[in-house]
Amino acid sequence: MSDCIFCKIIAGEIPSKKIYEDDELLAFHDVNPAAPLHFLVIPKKHIPNIMELDEADAPLMGKLLFKGQELAAELGCAEKGARFVINCKSDGGQTVDHIHLHVLGGRRMAWPPG
């Protein structure tokens, strides 16, 4: 989508601090980190939110989660863990209409988050 900030990052129109990229996924550091380690993993396919997934997207979402945990481990969260979050729509706290996984680590997380 032409007006989607994440699609613009994927296209290289907006710079990002990339961690990982392949044909289906892009991972980059969050510009407003909420933890010492905070990065996003996004599919290159534009999917507005988790409620709009198709059954055919299941392998892509599995890959997204697996890559998130792999990168979290590589970046120092293997021993103590991390928080993995997918917000959905306005009530769920989603601010960019392109499905994305937040991975936060490097500190103890509180529950409930707020």
N, C-alpha and C. Protein backbone atom coordinates (compact mmCIF):
# COMPACT_ATOMS: atom_id res chain seq x y z
N MET A 1 0.84 -1.19 0.00
CA MET A 1 0.00 0.00 0.00
C MET A 1 0.88 1.24 0.00
N SER A 2 0.50 2.20 -0.79
CA SER A 2 1.34 3.38 -0.96
C SER A 2 1.42 4.28 0.27
N ASP A 3 0.41 4.26 1.14
CA ASP A 3 0.42 5.13 2.30
C ASP A 3 0.87 4.43 3.58
N CYS A 4 1.25 3.17 3.50
CA CYS A 4 1.65 2.39 4.68
C CYS A 4 3.13 2.62 4.99
N ILE A 5 3.42 3.09 6.20
CA ILE A 5 4.81 3.38 6.58
C ILE A 5 5.68 2.13 6.51
N PHE A 6 5.14 0.96 6.89
CA PHE A 6 5.95 -0.25 6.84
C PHE A 6 6.19 -0.69 5.39
N CYS A 7 5.22 -0.50 4.52
CA CYS A 7 5.44 -0.80 3.10
C CYS A 7 6.51 0.12 2.52
N LYS A 8 6.55 1.36 2.98
CA LYS A 8 7.58 2.30 2.54
C LYS A 8 8.96 1.89 3.08
N ILE A 9 9.02 1.37 4.29
CA ILE A 9 10.29 0.86 4.83
C ILE A 9 10.74 -0.34 4.02
N ILE A 10 9.82 -1.25 3.72
CA ILE A 10 10.15 -2.43 2.90
C ILE A 10 10.69 -2.00 1.54
N ALA A 11 10.08 -0.98 0.94
CA ALA A 11 10.49 -0.50 -0.39
C ALA A 11 11.78 0.32 -0.35
N GLY A 12 12.28 0.63 0.85
CA GLY A 12 13.50 1.43 0.96
C GLY A 12 13.26 2.92 0.87
N GLU A 13 12.01 3.34 0.88
CA GLU A 13 11.68 4.77 0.80
C GLU A 13 11.91 5.48 2.12
N ILE A 14 11.83 4.73 3.21
CA ILE A 14 12.08 5.25 4.56
C ILE A 14 13.18 4.39 5.16
N PRO A 15 14.25 5.00 5.70
CA PRO A 15 15.34 4.20 6.26
C PRO A 15 14.92 3.51 7.56
N SER A 16 15.59 2.40 7.82
CA SER A 16 15.39 1.68 9.08
C SER A 16 16.71 1.06 9.49
N LYS A 17 16.80 0.72 10.75
CA LYS A 17 17.99 0.04 11.26
C LYS A 17 17.71 -1.46 11.20
N LYS A 18 17.98 -2.02 10.02
CA LYS A 18 17.63 -3.41 9.73
C LYS A 18 18.46 -4.39 10.57
N ILE A 19 17.77 -5.45 10.98
CA ILE A 19 18.41 -6.56 11.67
C ILE A 19 18.46 -7.78 10.76
N TYR A 20 17.39 -7.95 9.96
CA TYR A 20 17.25 -9.14 9.13
C TYR A 20 16.33 -8.82 7.96
N GLU A 21 16.61 -9.46 6.82
CA GLU A 21 15.72 -9.34 5.68
C GLU A 21 15.85 -10.57 4.80
N ASP A 22 14.71 -11.06 4.31
CA ASP A 22 14.70 -12.08 3.28
C ASP A 22 13.54 -11.75 2.33
N ASP A 23 13.13 -12.70 1.50
CA ASP A 23 12.08 -12.43 0.52
C ASP A 23 10.70 -12.19 1.14
N GLU A 24 10.50 -12.67 2.38
CA GLU A 24 9.17 -12.58 2.99
C GLU A 24 9.09 -11.68 4.21
N LEU A 25 10.22 -11.46 4.89
CA LEU A 25 10.22 -10.76 6.17
C LEU A 25 11.26 -9.66 6.23
N LEU A 26 11.01 -8.70 7.09
CA LEU A 26 11.98 -7.66 7.42
C LEU A 26 11.91 -7.44 8.93
N ALA A 27 13.08 -7.36 9.55
CA ALA A 27 13.15 -7.06 10.99
C ALA A 27 14.03 -5.84 11.17
N PHE A 28 13.60 -4.94 12.05
CA PHE A 28 14.35 -3.70 12.28
C PHE A 28 14.07 -3.18 13.68
N HIS A 29 14.99 -2.38 14.19
CA HIS A 29 14.85 -1.81 15.52
C HIS A 29 13.72 -0.78 15.53
N ASP A 30 12.95 -0.77 16.62
CA ASP A 30 11.86 0.19 16.79
C ASP A 30 12.45 1.58 16.99
N VAL A 31 11.85 2.59 16.36
CA VAL A 31 12.36 3.96 16.48
C VAL A 31 12.06 4.58 17.84
N ASN A 32 11.08 4.03 18.56
CA ASN A 32 10.74 4.49 19.91
C ASN A 32 10.75 3.29 20.85
N PRO A 33 11.94 2.79 21.19
CA PRO A 33 12.01 1.55 21.97
C PRO A 33 11.39 1.68 23.36
N ALA A 34 10.67 0.62 23.75
CA ALA A 34 10.05 0.55 25.07
C ALA A 34 10.84 -0.38 25.99
N ALA A 35 11.99 -0.84 25.54
CA ALA A 35 12.86 -1.72 26.32
C ALA A 35 14.26 -1.59 25.73
N PRO A 36 15.29 -2.04 26.47
CA PRO A 36 16.65 -1.96 25.92
C PRO A 36 16.79 -2.64 24.55
N LEU A 37 16.07 -3.74 24.36
CA LEU A 37 15.98 -4.37 23.04
C LEU A 37 14.53 -4.29 22.61
N HIS A 38 14.27 -3.67 21.47
CA HIS A 38 12.91 -3.56 20.95
C HIS A 38 13.01 -3.51 19.44
N PHE A 39 12.57 -4.60 18.82
CA PHE A 39 12.57 -4.63 17.37
C PHE A 39 11.25 -5.17 16.86
N LEU A 40 11.00 -4.93 15.57
CA LEU A 40 9.79 -5.38 14.90
C LEU A 40 10.15 -6.40 13.84
N VAL A 41 9.27 -7.37 13.65
CA VAL A 41 9.38 -8.30 12.53
C VAL A 41 8.08 -8.14 11.76
N ILE A 42 8.21 -7.84 10.46
CA ILE A 42 7.03 -7.61 9.64
C ILE A 42 7.08 -8.47 8.39
N PRO A 43 5.91 -8.90 7.92
CA PRO A 43 5.88 -9.58 6.63
C PRO A 43 5.97 -8.54 5.52
N LYS A 44 6.58 -8.90 4.43
CA LYS A 44 6.61 -7.97 3.29
C LYS A 44 5.25 -7.90 2.60
N LYS A 45 4.46 -8.95 2.76
CA LYS A 45 3.08 -8.93 2.26
C LYS A 45 2.28 -8.00 3.16
N HIS A 46 1.54 -7.08 2.57
CA HIS A 46 0.73 -6.16 3.37
C HIS A 46 -0.51 -6.89 3.87
N ILE A 47 -0.56 -7.09 5.18
CA ILE A 47 -1.73 -7.64 5.86
C ILE A 47 -2.05 -6.61 6.94
N PRO A 48 -3.22 -5.98 6.90
CA PRO A 48 -3.51 -4.89 7.82
C PRO A 48 -3.44 -5.27 9.30
N ASN A 49 -3.97 -6.42 9.68
CA ASN A 49 -3.97 -6.82 11.08
C ASN A 49 -4.23 -8.31 11.20
N ILE A 50 -4.09 -8.83 12.39
CA ILE A 50 -4.19 -10.27 12.61
C ILE A 50 -5.61 -10.79 12.32
N MET A 51 -6.62 -9.94 12.41
CA MET A 51 -7.99 -10.36 12.12
C MET A 51 -8.23 -10.55 10.62
N GLU A 52 -7.30 -10.11 9.80
CA GLU A 52 -7.45 -10.23 8.35
C GLU A 52 -6.53 -11.28 7.75
N LEU A 53 -6.00 -12.16 8.58
CA LEU A 53 -5.19 -13.27 8.07
C LEU A 53 -6.07 -14.27 7.33
N ASP A 54 -5.51 -14.85 6.30
CA ASP A 54 -6.14 -15.97 5.61
C ASP A 54 -5.43 -17.24 6.05
N GLU A 55 -6.09 -18.38 5.87
CA GLU A 55 -5.46 -19.65 6.22
C GLU A 55 -4.14 -19.81 5.47
N ALA A 56 -4.07 -19.29 4.27
CA ALA A 56 -2.84 -19.38 3.47
C ALA A 56 -1.68 -18.59 4.09
N ASP A 57 -1.97 -17.67 5.02
CA ASP A 57 -0.94 -16.88 5.69
C ASP A 57 -0.31 -17.61 6.88
N ALA A 58 -0.84 -18.76 7.25
CA ALA A 58 -0.34 -19.48 8.43
C ALA A 58 1.16 -19.78 8.35
N PRO A 59 1.68 -20.29 7.23
CA PRO A 59 3.13 -20.53 7.17
C PRO A 59 3.96 -19.24 7.32
N LEU A 60 3.49 -18.14 6.76
CA LEU A 60 4.19 -16.87 6.88
C LEU A 60 4.20 -16.40 8.33
N MET A 61 3.09 -16.54 9.03
CA MET A 61 3.03 -16.12 10.44
C MET A 61 3.90 -17.02 11.31
N GLY A 62 3.95 -18.30 10.99
CA GLY A 62 4.85 -19.19 11.72
C GLY A 62 6.30 -18.79 11.52
N LYS A 63 6.65 -18.44 10.29
CA LYS A 63 8.01 -17.99 10.00
C LYS A 63 8.31 -16.69 10.73
N LEU A 64 7.33 -15.78 10.78
CA LEU A 64 7.50 -14.51 11.48
C LEU A 64 7.82 -14.74 12.97
N LEU A 65 7.05 -15.62 13.61
CA LEU A 65 7.29 -15.91 15.03
C LEU A 65 8.63 -16.60 15.23
N PHE A 66 8.94 -17.56 14.37
CA PHE A 66 10.21 -18.27 14.51
C PHE A 66 11.39 -17.31 14.33
N LYS A 67 11.32 -16.43 13.35
CA LYS A 67 12.40 -15.47 13.12
C LYS A 67 12.51 -14.52 14.31
N GLY A 68 11.38 -14.11 14.88
CA GLY A 68 11.42 -13.25 16.06
C GLY A 68 12.16 -13.90 17.21
N GLN A 69 11.87 -15.17 17.49
CA GLN A 69 12.56 -15.84 18.61
C GLN A 69 14.01 -16.09 18.28
N GLU A 70 14.32 -16.38 17.04
CA GLU A 70 15.71 -16.60 16.62
C GLU A 70 16.53 -15.32 16.79
N LEU A 71 15.98 -14.19 16.34
CA LEU A 71 16.68 -12.92 16.47
C LEU A 71 16.79 -12.49 17.94
N ALA A 72 15.74 -12.72 18.72
CA ALA A 72 15.80 -12.39 20.15
C ALA A 72 16.94 -13.15 20.82
N ALA A 73 17.09 -14.41 20.49
CA ALA A 73 18.18 -15.21 21.06
C ALA A 73 19.53 -14.67 20.61
N GLU A 74 19.66 -14.36 19.32
CA GLU A 74 20.92 -13.82 18.79
C GLU A 74 21.29 -12.49 19.45
N LEU A 75 20.28 -11.72 19.84
CA LEU A 75 20.51 -10.39 20.40
C LEU A 75 20.54 -10.38 21.93
N GLY A 76 20.65 -11.57 22.53
CA GLY A 76 20.93 -11.65 23.96
C GLY A 76 19.78 -12.03 24.88
N CYS A 77 18.65 -12.44 24.35
CA CYS A 77 17.50 -12.76 25.20
C CYS A 77 17.27 -14.25 25.40
N ALA A 78 18.20 -15.09 24.99
CA ALA A 78 18.00 -16.54 25.09
C ALA A 78 17.83 -16.99 26.53
N GLU A 79 18.64 -16.46 27.43
CA GLU A 79 18.63 -16.94 28.81
C GLU A 79 17.43 -16.43 29.61
N LYS A 80 17.15 -15.13 29.55
CA LYS A 80 16.12 -14.55 30.40
C LYS A 80 14.77 -14.35 29.70
N GLY A 81 14.75 -14.44 28.38
CA GLY A 81 13.50 -14.33 27.65
C GLY A 81 13.19 -12.94 27.13
N ALA A 82 12.02 -12.81 26.54
CA ALA A 82 11.58 -11.57 25.92
C ALA A 82 10.06 -11.58 25.86
N ARG A 83 9.49 -10.44 25.53
CA ARG A 83 8.05 -10.35 25.31
C ARG A 83 7.79 -10.24 23.81
N PHE A 84 6.82 -11.03 23.33
CA PHE A 84 6.43 -11.03 21.92
C PHE A 84 4.99 -10.52 21.87
N VAL A 85 4.75 -9.44 21.11
CA VAL A 85 3.44 -8.79 21.10
C VAL A 85 2.99 -8.53 19.66
N ILE A 86 1.74 -8.89 19.38
CA ILE A 86 1.09 -8.48 18.13
C ILE A 86 -0.18 -7.75 18.54
N ASN A 87 -0.19 -6.42 18.37
CA ASN A 87 -1.37 -5.62 18.66
C ASN A 87 -2.33 -5.72 17.48
N CYS A 88 -3.63 -5.58 17.76
CA CYS A 88 -4.63 -5.71 16.70
C CYS A 88 -5.70 -4.63 16.82
N LYS A 89 -5.76 -3.81 15.81
CA LYS A 89 -6.74 -2.72 15.69
C LYS A 89 -6.63 -1.72 16.84
N SER A 90 -7.50 -0.73 16.86
CA SER A 90 -7.36 0.38 17.80
C SER A 90 -7.47 -0.05 19.26
N ASP A 91 -8.44 -0.89 19.61
CA ASP A 91 -8.58 -1.32 21.00
C ASP A 91 -7.41 -2.18 21.46
N GLY A 92 -6.75 -2.83 20.53
CA GLY A 92 -5.59 -3.65 20.85
C GLY A 92 -4.28 -2.88 20.86
N GLY A 93 -4.34 -1.60 20.55
CA GLY A 93 -3.15 -0.77 20.58
C GLY A 93 -2.36 -0.70 19.28
N GLN A 94 -2.93 -1.20 18.19
CA GLN A 94 -2.22 -1.16 16.90
C GLN A 94 -2.23 0.25 16.35
N THR A 95 -1.05 0.77 16.00
CA THR A 95 -0.95 2.13 15.47
C THR A 95 -0.54 2.18 14.00
N VAL A 96 -0.03 1.08 13.47
CA VAL A 96 0.30 0.99 12.05
C VAL A 96 -0.50 -0.18 11.48
N ASP A 97 -1.28 0.09 10.44
CA ASP A 97 -2.14 -0.94 9.86
C ASP A 97 -1.37 -1.84 8.89
N HIS A 98 -0.40 -2.54 9.44
CA HIS A 98 0.39 -3.56 8.75
C HIS A 98 0.84 -4.50 9.87
N ILE A 99 0.41 -5.73 9.82
CA ILE A 99 0.68 -6.66 10.91
C ILE A 99 2.17 -6.67 11.24
N HIS A 100 2.49 -6.66 12.53
CA HIS A 100 3.88 -6.65 12.95
C HIS A 100 4.03 -7.24 14.34
N LEU A 101 5.15 -7.88 14.55
CA LEU A 101 5.49 -8.48 15.83
C LEU A 101 6.49 -7.60 16.53
N HIS A 102 6.16 -7.16 17.75
CA HIS A 102 7.12 -6.46 18.59
C HIS A 102 7.87 -7.50 19.41
N VAL A 103 9.18 -7.39 19.49
CA VAL A 103 9.97 -8.23 20.38
C VAL A 103 10.70 -7.28 21.32
N LEU A 104 10.45 -7.44 22.63
CA LEU A 104 11.03 -6.57 23.64
C LEU A 104 11.80 -7.41 24.64
N GLY A 105 13.00 -6.97 24.98
CA GLY A 105 13.81 -7.71 25.93
C GLY A 105 14.84 -6.81 26.59
N GLY A 106 15.65 -7.42 27.42
CA GLY A 106 16.71 -6.69 28.10
C GLY A 106 16.30 -6.11 29.44
N ARG A 107 15.06 -6.37 29.84
CA ARG A 107 14.59 -5.95 31.18
C ARG A 107 13.39 -6.81 31.54
N ARG A 108 13.06 -6.83 32.81
CA ARG A 108 11.89 -7.56 33.27
C ARG A 108 10.63 -6.80 32.86
N MET A 109 9.67 -7.48 32.32
CA MET A 109 8.41 -6.89 31.86
C MET A 109 7.36 -7.02 32.97
N ALA A 110 6.53 -6.02 33.11
CA ALA A 110 5.44 -6.05 34.10
C ALA A 110 4.18 -6.60 33.46
N TRP A 111 3.26 -7.11 34.32
CA TRP A 111 1.96 -7.56 33.85
C TRP A 111 0.92 -7.14 34.86
N PRO A 112 -0.19 -6.58 34.48
CA PRO A 112 -0.55 -6.29 33.10
C PRO A 112 0.23 -5.10 32.57
N PRO A 113 0.36 -5.01 31.24
CA PRO A 113 1.19 -3.96 30.66
C PRO A 113 0.59 -2.56 30.79
N GLY A 114 -0.70 -2.41 30.95
CA GLY A 114 -1.25 -1.07 31.14
C GLY A 114 -2.47 -0.78 30.35
